[in-house]
C-alpha atoms as a PDB file:
ATOM      1  CA  MET A   1      -2.896  17.845  -7.396  1.00  0.00           C
ATOM      2  CA  GLU A   2      -4.217  16.000  -4.234  1.00  0.00           C
ATOM      3  CA  GLU A   3      -1.766  14.558  -1.241  1.00  0.00           C
ATOM      4  CA  ILE A   4      -2.096  10.876  -0.810  1.00  0.00           C
ATOM      5  CA  LYS A   5      -1.772  10.007   2.938  1.00  0.00           C
ATOM      6  CA  GLU A   6      -0.215   6.915   4.089  1.00  0.00           C
ATOM      7  CA  ASN A   7      -2.970   5.697   6.467  1.00  0.00           C
ATOM      8  CA  ALA A   8      -6.098   6.746   4.752  1.00  0.00           C
ATOM      9  CA  VAL A   9      -8.211   4.459   3.403  1.00  0.00           C
ATOM     10  CA  TYR A  10      -9.337   4.914   0.266  1.00  0.00           C
ATOM     11  CA  THR A  11     -12.376   3.691  -2.417  1.00  0.00           C
ATOM     12  CA  THR A  12     -11.495   2.216  -6.251  1.00  0.00           C
ATOM     13  CA  ALA A  13     -12.670   5.705  -7.680  1.00  0.00           C
ATOM     14  CA  GLU A  14     -11.240   7.709  -5.411  1.00  0.00           C
ATOM     15  CA  VAL A  15      -7.819   5.995  -6.037  1.00  0.00           C
ATOM     16  CA  GLN A  16      -8.361   5.964  -9.882  1.00  0.00           C
ATOM     17  CA  GLY A  17      -8.964   9.841  -9.636  1.00  0.00           C
ATOM     18  CA  LEU A  18      -5.912  10.051  -7.646  1.00  0.00           C
ATOM     19  CA  LEU A  19      -3.478   8.315 -10.765  1.00  0.00           C
ATOM     20  CA  LYS A  20      -5.420   9.492 -12.867  1.00  0.00           C
ATOM     21  CA  VAL A  21      -6.559   5.398 -14.692  1.00  0.00           C
ATOM     22  CA  SER A  22      -9.152   4.198 -15.933  1.00  0.00           C
ATOM     23  CA  ASP A  23     -11.634   2.026 -14.081  1.00  0.00           C
ATOM     24  CA  SER A  24     -10.393  -1.251 -16.293  1.00  0.00           C
ATOM     25  CA  THR A  25      -6.793  -0.229 -15.218  1.00  0.00           C
ATOM     26  CA  ILE A  26      -8.085   0.053 -11.555  1.00  0.00           C
ATOM     27  CA  LYS A  27      -9.545  -3.619 -11.334  1.00  0.00           C
ATOM     28  CA  ARG A  28      -6.420  -4.813 -13.224  1.00  0.00           C
ATOM     29  CA  LEU A  29      -3.792  -3.776 -11.061  1.00  0.00           C
ATOM     30  CA  LEU A  30      -5.980  -5.383  -8.024  1.00  0.00           C
ATOM     31  CA  LYS A  31      -6.317  -8.630 -10.339  1.00  0.00           C
ATOM     32  CA  ASN A  32      -2.604  -8.772 -10.990  1.00  0.00           C
ATOM     33  CA  GLY A  33      -2.671  -8.069  -7.164  1.00  0.00           C
ATOM     34  CA  ALA A  34      -0.127  -4.546  -7.985  1.00  0.00           C
ATOM     35  CA  LEU A  35      -2.289  -3.250  -6.376  1.00  0.00           C
ATOM     36  CA  ARG A  36      -3.519  -4.405  -3.147  1.00  0.00           C
ATOM     37  CA  ALA A  37      -6.775  -3.953  -1.243  1.00  0.00           C
ATOM     38  CA  ASN A  38      -9.332  -5.418   1.235  1.00  0.00           C
ATOM     39  CA  LYS A  39     -12.142  -6.393   0.041  1.00  0.00           C
ATOM     40  CA  VAL A  40     -15.639  -4.506   2.823  1.00  0.00           C
ATOM     41  CA  GLY A  41     -18.708  -5.358   1.718  1.00  0.00           C
ATOM     42  CA  GLY A  42     -18.670  -6.328  -1.573  1.00  0.00           C
ATOM     43  CA  GLN A  43     -16.165  -3.564  -2.729  1.00  0.00           C
ATOM     44  CA  TYR A  44     -12.454  -2.838  -2.439  1.00  0.00           C
ATOM     45  CA  ARG A  45     -10.938  -0.887   0.021  1.00  0.00           C
ATOM     46  CA  ILE A  46      -7.315   0.192  -0.459  1.00  0.00           C
ATOM     47  CA  MET A  47      -5.159   2.062   2.102  1.00  0.00           C
ATOM     48  CA  GLY A  48      -2.851   4.591   0.898  1.00  0.00           C
ATOM     49  CA  LYS A  49       0.828   3.661   1.682  1.00  0.00           C
ATOM     50  CA  GLU A  50       0.018   0.863  -0.910  1.00  0.00           C
ATOM     51  CA  VAL A  51      -0.610   3.728  -3.847  1.00  0.00           C
ATOM     52  CA  LEU A  52       2.287   5.203  -2.851  1.00  0.00           C
ATOM     53  CA  ARG A  53       3.952   1.588  -2.807  1.00  0.00           C
ATOM     54  CA  LEU A  54       2.596   1.884  -6.473  1.00  0.00           C
ATOM     55  CA  ILE A  55       4.117   4.765  -7.513  1.00  0.00           C
ATOM     56  CA  SER A  56       6.950   4.781  -5.740  1.00  0.00           C
ATOM     57  CA  PRO A  57       8.823   1.498  -4.992  1.00  0.00           C
ATOM     58  CA  VAL A  58      11.961   3.373  -3.800  1.00  0.00           C
ATOM     59  CA  LEU A  59       9.601   4.386  -0.587  1.00  0.00           C
ATOM     60  CA  GLU A  60       8.899   0.470  -0.437  1.00  0.00           C
ATOM     61  CA  LYS A  61      12.527  -0.388  -0.504  1.00  0.00           C
ATOM     62  CA  LYS A  62      13.086   2.477   2.632  1.00  0.00           C
ATOM     63  CA  SER A  63      10.359   1.559   3.940  1.00  0.00           C
ATOM     64  CA  GLU A  64      11.118  -2.621   3.894  1.00  0.00           C
ATOM     65  CA  LYS A  65      14.964  -1.408   5.385  1.00  0.00           C
ATOM     66  CA  ALA A  66      13.498   0.211   8.570  1.00  0.00           C
ATOM     67  CA  TYR A  67      10.712  -2.543   8.990  1.00  0.00           C
ATOM     68  CA  LEU A  68      13.552  -4.818   8.682  1.00  0.00           C
ATOM     69  CA  LYS A  69      16.180  -3.398  11.504  1.00  0.00           C
ATOM     70  CA  VAL A  70      13.254  -3.561  13.832  1.00  0.00           C
ATOM     71  CA  LYS A  71      12.726  -6.907  13.502  1.00  0.00           C
ATOM     72  CA  LYS A  72      16.278  -7.954  13.939  1.00  0.00           C
ATOM     73  CA  LYS A  73      15.901  -5.864  17.057  1.00  0.00           C
ATOM     74  CA  ALA A  74      13.098  -7.372  18.255  1.00  0.00           C
ATOM     75  CA  VAL A  75      14.873 -10.927  17.480  1.00  0.00           C
ATOM     76  CA  ASP A  76      17.999 -10.222  19.190  1.00  0.00           C
ATOM     77  CA  VAL A  77      15.560  -8.897  22.857  1.00  0.00           C
ATOM     78  CA  ILE A  78      13.635 -12.220  22.379  1.00  0.00           C
ATOM     79  CA  ASN A  79      16.878 -14.359  22.321  1.00  0.00           C
ATOM     80  CA  LYS A  80      18.250 -12.996  24.727  1.00  0.00           C
ATOM     81  CA  TRP A  81      15.476 -13.525  27.023  1.00  0.00           C
END
């Protein structure tokens, strides 16, 4: 199994191969927002972290907690000014 790199950018075909799902499944995931992507030149580009988020919601929770912790520190610093 190929490693999914968090900061890599993948095409829909590459994500399809990584997840071993059909083209219609990828389209459905994109359409309902379960898989977030950016459209570049008429084609979707998907960040590796979005693929990891899709297959591992626990990882998303950990990253969300870390983000909120950093955000709180930043707000505290700004409020002290």
